[in-house]
Amino acid sequence: MSDTLTPMPDACRVCGSRVGLLAAADAGWTCARCGWRLGDAPDADLPRPVVEVVYYLRFDERVKIGTSSRPRQRLAAIRHDELLAFEPGGRRLEQERHREFADLREGGEWFTLAGALTAHIATLRAAASDPWALHDGWLGDAYRRASS
């Protein structure tokens, strides 16, 4: 039995990670990133779970606060320097954040990276320095809920 992260023999079918934990010979591998059991396949008859996130993208000294249920595709379409953070939530939370940081708004969904917004992002990053790992964990949780 191992409690250290080690390379898995195959990629995770949920998030694609190749790092996991070998819990016991009979339990097999568990993905360290999303928690999915290696070898298990998501039920193809069920729709892909929806995990809505509010994202914070930095471009120069500005931050875009947006939302997406497919952040990989969405972020690929937006010019940015860095993904700063994710938080779980959809349009309602995004609009709440826009109101919360209204004094920093530069236009549309873009805000000056300063003050309370910087502090909020720092709080989100304290929970997880890698936003994609956090997202993959939420996705793994959603798949497990859909499978039960």
C-alpha atoms as a PDB file:
ATOM      1  CA  MET A   1       0.000   0.000   0.000  1.00  0.00           C
ATOM      2  CA  SER A   2       1.317   3.433  -0.979  1.00  0.00           C
ATOM      3  CA  ASP A   3       0.330   6.916   0.099  1.00  0.00           C
ATOM      4  CA  THR A   4       2.740   8.715  -2.214  1.00  0.00           C
ATOM      5  CA  LEU A   5       2.023  10.073  -5.659  1.00  0.00           C
ATOM      6  CA  THR A   6       3.435   7.892  -8.401  1.00  0.00           C
ATOM      7  CA  PRO A   7       3.013   7.564 -12.157  1.00  0.00           C
ATOM      8  CA  MET A   8      -0.019   5.491 -13.129  1.00  0.00           C
ATOM      9  CA  PRO A   9       0.238   2.887 -15.879  1.00  0.00           C
ATOM     10  CA  ASP A  10      -2.443   4.692 -17.955  1.00  0.00           C
ATOM     11  CA  ALA A  11      -3.971   8.160 -18.143  1.00  0.00           C
ATOM     12  CA  CYS A  12      -7.113   8.954 -16.166  1.00  0.00           C
ATOM     13  CA  ARG A  13     -10.235   8.776 -18.341  1.00  0.00           C
ATOM     14  CA  VAL A  14     -11.741  11.863 -16.720  1.00  0.00           C
ATOM     15  CA  CYS A  15      -8.916  14.405 -16.566  1.00  0.00           C
ATOM     16  CA  GLY A  16      -6.013  12.806 -18.424  1.00  0.00           C
ATOM     17  CA  SER A  17      -3.582  12.927 -15.498  1.00  0.00           C
ATOM     18  CA  ARG A  18      -0.989  10.168 -15.203  1.00  0.00           C
ATOM     19  CA  VAL A  19      -0.272  10.695 -11.482  1.00  0.00           C
ATOM     20  CA  GLY A  20      -2.107   8.738  -8.833  1.00  0.00           C
ATOM     21  CA  LEU A  21      -2.185   6.797  -5.626  1.00  0.00           C
ATOM     22  CA  LEU A  22      -2.028   3.015  -5.376  1.00  0.00           C
ATOM     23  CA  ALA A  23      -4.320   2.417  -2.403  1.00  0.00           C
ATOM     24  CA  ALA A  24      -4.093  -1.382  -2.236  1.00  0.00           C
ATOM     25  CA  ALA A  25      -3.686  -4.240  -4.656  1.00  0.00           C
ATOM     26  CA  ASP A  26      -7.414  -4.941  -4.668  1.00  0.00           C
ATOM     27  CA  ALA A  27      -8.466  -1.260  -4.789  1.00  0.00           C
ATOM     28  CA  GLY A  28      -6.151  -0.263  -7.633  1.00  0.00           C
ATOM     29  CA  TRP A  29      -5.113   3.217  -8.696  1.00  0.00           C
ATOM     30  CA  THR A  30      -6.927   6.458  -7.937  1.00  0.00           C
ATOM     31  CA  CYS A  31      -6.149   9.627  -9.903  1.00  0.00           C
ATOM     32  CA  ALA A  32      -4.461  12.190  -7.668  1.00  0.00           C
ATOM     33  CA  ARG A  33      -5.934  15.045  -9.672  1.00  0.00           C
ATOM     34  CA  CYS A  34      -9.644  14.216  -9.909  1.00  0.00           C
ATOM     35  CA  GLY A  35     -10.084  11.168  -7.675  1.00  0.00           C
ATOM     36  CA  TRP A  36     -11.407   8.906 -10.460  1.00  0.00           C
ATOM     37  CA  ARG A  37     -10.539   5.212 -10.243  1.00  0.00           C
ATOM     38  CA  LEU A  38      -8.107   4.183 -12.982  1.00  0.00           C
ATOM     39  CA  GLY A  39      -9.701   1.832 -15.471  1.00  0.00           C
ATOM     40  CA  ASP A  40     -13.249   2.924 -14.734  1.00  0.00           C
ATOM     41  CA  ALA A  41     -14.962   4.562 -17.671  1.00  0.00           C
ATOM     42  CA  PRO A  42     -17.594   7.258 -17.240  1.00  0.00           C
ATOM     43  CA  ASP A  43     -21.004   5.939 -18.288  1.00  0.00           C
ATOM     44  CA  ALA A  44     -21.259   6.810 -21.986  1.00  0.00           C
ATOM     45  CA  ASP A  45     -25.062   6.782 -21.762  1.00  0.00           C
ATOM     46  CA  LEU A  46     -25.041   9.655 -19.284  1.00  0.00           C
ATOM     47  CA  PRO A  47     -24.401  13.232 -20.415  1.00  0.00           C
ATOM     48  CA  ARG A  48     -21.073  14.786 -19.457  1.00  0.00           C
ATOM     49  CA  PRO A  49     -21.506  16.485 -16.080  1.00  0.00           C
ATOM     50  CA  VAL A  50     -21.739  20.260 -16.125  1.00  0.00           C
ATOM     51  CA  VAL A  51     -19.310  22.037 -13.818  1.00  0.00           C
ATOM     52  CA  GLU A  52     -19.857  25.780 -14.039  1.00  0.00           C
ATOM     53  CA  VAL A  53     -16.976  27.977 -12.953  1.00  0.00           C
ATOM     54  CA  VAL A  54     -16.240  31.645 -12.596  1.00  0.00           C
ATOM     55  CA  TYR A  55     -12.791  32.265 -14.026  1.00  0.00           C
ATOM     56  CA  TYR A  56     -10.265  35.038 -13.495  1.00  0.00           C
ATOM     57  CA  LEU A  57      -7.960  35.667 -16.462  1.00  0.00           C
ATOM     58  CA  ARG A  58      -5.081  38.116 -16.347  1.00  0.00           C
ATOM     59  CA  PHE A  59      -4.034  40.093 -19.400  1.00  0.00           C
ATOM     60  CA  ASP A  60      -1.354  42.633 -18.525  1.00  0.00           C
ATOM     61  CA  GLU A  61      -2.714  44.475 -15.461  1.00  0.00           C
ATOM     62  CA  ARG A  62      -6.355  43.659 -16.146  1.00  0.00           C
ATOM     63  CA  VAL A  63      -8.539  40.719 -15.138  1.00  0.00           C
ATOM     64  CA  LYS A  64     -11.502  39.264 -16.984  1.00  0.00           C
ATOM     65  CA  ILE A  65     -14.149  37.782 -14.722  1.00  0.00           C
ATOM     66  CA  GLY A  66     -16.282  35.383 -16.727  1.00  0.00           C
ATOM     67  CA  THR A  67     -18.125  32.101 -16.465  1.00  0.00           C
ATOM     68  CA  SER A  68     -18.201  28.871 -18.403  1.00  0.00           C
ATOM     69  CA  SER A  69     -19.312  25.261 -18.149  1.00  0.00           C
ATOM     70  CA  ARG A  70     -16.535  24.329 -20.629  1.00  0.00           C
ATOM     71  CA  PRO A  71     -13.594  26.435 -19.482  1.00  0.00           C
ATOM     72  CA  ARG A  72     -10.923  24.721 -21.612  1.00  0.00           C
ATOM     73  CA  GLN A  73     -12.744  25.682 -24.812  1.00  0.00           C
ATOM     74  CA  ARG A  74     -13.751  29.117 -23.535  1.00  0.00           C
ATOM     75  CA  LEU A  75     -10.303  30.129 -22.311  1.00  0.00           C
ATOM     76  CA  ALA A  76      -8.707  28.940 -25.555  1.00  0.00           C
ATOM     77  CA  ALA A  77     -10.803  31.582 -27.340  1.00  0.00           C
ATOM     78  CA  ILE A  78      -9.774  34.493 -25.085  1.00  0.00           C
ATOM     79  CA  ARG A  79      -6.416  36.243 -25.306  1.00  0.00           C
ATOM     80  CA  HIS A  80      -4.829  36.207 -21.870  1.00  0.00           C
ATOM     81  CA  ASP A  81      -1.481  35.928 -20.097  1.00  0.00           C
ATOM     82  CA  GLU A  82      -2.500  33.728 -17.178  1.00  0.00           C
ATOM     83  CA  LEU A  83      -5.400  31.863 -15.632  1.00  0.00           C
ATOM     84  CA  LEU A  84      -5.386  33.170 -12.079  1.00  0.00           C
ATOM     85  CA  ALA A  85      -8.215  31.210 -10.446  1.00  0.00           C
ATOM     86  CA  PHE A  86     -11.514  29.373 -10.683  1.00  0.00           C
ATOM     87  CA  GLU A  87     -14.382  29.292  -8.248  1.00  0.00           C
ATOM     88  CA  PRO A  88     -17.456  27.087  -8.533  1.00  0.00           C
ATOM     89  CA  GLY A  89     -20.487  28.967  -9.787  1.00  0.00           C
ATOM     90  CA  GLY A  90     -22.349  30.188 -12.794  1.00  0.00           C
ATOM     91  CA  ARG A  91     -23.848  33.392 -14.158  1.00  0.00           C
ATOM     92  CA  ARG A  92     -25.328  34.485 -10.813  1.00  0.00           C
ATOM     93  CA  LEU A  93     -21.943  34.355  -9.036  1.00  0.00           C
ATOM     94  CA  GLU A  94     -20.234  36.026 -11.999  1.00  0.00           C
ATOM     95  CA  GLN A  95     -22.696  38.935 -11.832  1.00  0.00           C
ATOM     96  CA  GLU A  96     -22.216  39.134  -8.070  1.00  0.00           C
ATOM     97  CA  ARG A  97     -18.440  39.425  -8.577  1.00  0.00           C
ATOM     98  CA  HIS A  98     -18.973  42.119 -11.242  1.00  0.00           C
ATOM     99  CA  ARG A  99     -21.016  44.134  -8.721  1.00  0.00           C
ATOM    100  CA  GLU A 100     -18.523  43.454  -5.919  1.00  0.00           C
ATOM    101  CA  PHE A 101     -15.602  44.811  -7.968  1.00  0.00           C
ATOM    102  CA  ALA A 102     -17.560  47.469  -9.914  1.00  0.00           C
ATOM    103  CA  ASP A 103     -15.235  50.256  -8.763  1.00  0.00           C
ATOM    104  CA  LEU A 104     -12.397  48.472 -10.631  1.00  0.00           C
ATOM    105  CA  ARG A 105     -14.333  47.902 -13.865  1.00  0.00           C
ATOM    106  CA  GLU A 106     -12.558  49.022 -17.022  1.00  0.00           C
ATOM    107  CA  GLY A 107     -15.282  47.945 -19.394  1.00  0.00           C
ATOM    108  CA  GLY A 108     -17.385  44.864 -20.057  1.00  0.00           C
ATOM    109  CA  GLU A 109     -16.021  41.990 -17.992  1.00  0.00           C
ATOM    110  CA  TRP A 110     -12.541  43.508 -17.562  1.00  0.00           C
ATOM    111  CA  PHE A 111     -11.328  44.892 -14.242  1.00  0.00           C
ATOM    112  CA  THR A 112      -8.134  46.527 -12.961  1.00  0.00           C
ATOM    113  CA  LEU A 113      -6.027  44.025 -11.033  1.00  0.00           C
ATOM    114  CA  ALA A 114      -5.860  45.911  -7.748  1.00  0.00           C
ATOM    115  CA  GLY A 115      -7.189  46.164  -4.208  1.00  0.00           C
ATOM    116  CA  ALA A 116     -10.092  43.944  -3.240  1.00  0.00           C
ATOM    117  CA  LEU A 117      -9.944  41.975  -6.502  1.00  0.00           C
ATOM    118  CA  THR A 118      -6.282  41.099  -5.915  1.00  0.00           C
ATOM    119  CA  ALA A 119      -7.136  40.001  -2.372  1.00  0.00           C
ATOM    120  CA  HIS A 120     -10.075  37.885  -3.576  1.00  0.00           C
ATOM    121  CA  ILE A 121      -7.917  36.125  -6.164  1.00  0.00           C
ATOM    122  CA  ALA A 122      -5.208  35.522  -3.536  1.00  0.00           C
ATOM    123  CA  THR A 123      -7.816  33.852  -1.322  1.00  0.00           C
ATOM    124  CA  LEU A 124      -8.907  31.586  -4.182  1.00  0.00           C
ATOM    125  CA  ARG A 125      -5.285  30.736  -5.012  1.00  0.00           C
ATOM    126  CA  ALA A 126      -4.551  29.894  -1.371  1.00  0.00           C
ATOM    127  CA  ALA A 127      -7.041  27.032  -1.690  1.00  0.00           C
ATOM    128  CA  ALA A 128      -5.408  25.752  -4.890  1.00  0.00           C
ATOM    129  CA  SER A 129      -2.413  27.147  -6.716  1.00  0.00           C
ATOM    130  CA  ASP A 130      -3.344  25.157  -9.853  1.00  0.00           C
ATOM    131  CA  PRO A 131      -6.854  26.146 -10.997  1.00  0.00           C
ATOM    132  CA  TRP A 132      -7.001  23.256 -13.500  1.00  0.00           C
ATOM    133  CA  ALA A 133      -6.335  20.696 -10.757  1.00  0.00           C
ATOM    134  CA  LEU A 134      -9.176  22.211  -8.750  1.00  0.00           C
ATOM    135  CA  HIS A 135     -11.476  22.089 -11.775  1.00  0.00           C
ATOM    136  CA  ASP A 136     -10.527  18.475 -12.492  1.00  0.00           C
ATOM    137  CA  GLY A 137     -11.380  17.574  -8.892  1.00  0.00           C
ATOM    138  CA  TRP A 138     -14.828  19.157  -9.264  1.00  0.00           C
ATOM    139  CA  LEU A 139     -15.288  17.295 -12.556  1.00  0.00           C
ATOM    140  CA  GLY A 140     -14.323  13.988 -10.910  1.00  0.00           C
ATOM    141  CA  ASP A 141     -16.827  14.681  -8.121  1.00  0.00           C
ATOM    142  CA  ALA A 142     -19.544  15.395 -10.695  1.00  0.00           C
ATOM    143  CA  TYR A 143     -18.804  12.140 -12.543  1.00  0.00           C
ATOM    144  CA  ARG A 144     -18.956  10.174  -9.293  1.00  0.00           C
ATOM    145  CA  ARG A 145     -22.300  11.757  -8.375  1.00  0.00           C
ATOM    146  CA  ALA A 146     -23.667  10.946 -11.846  1.00  0.00           C
ATOM    147  CA  SER A 147     -22.462   7.342 -11.552  1.00  0.00           C
ATOM    148  CA  SER A 148     -24.073   6.645  -8.192  1.00  0.00           C
END
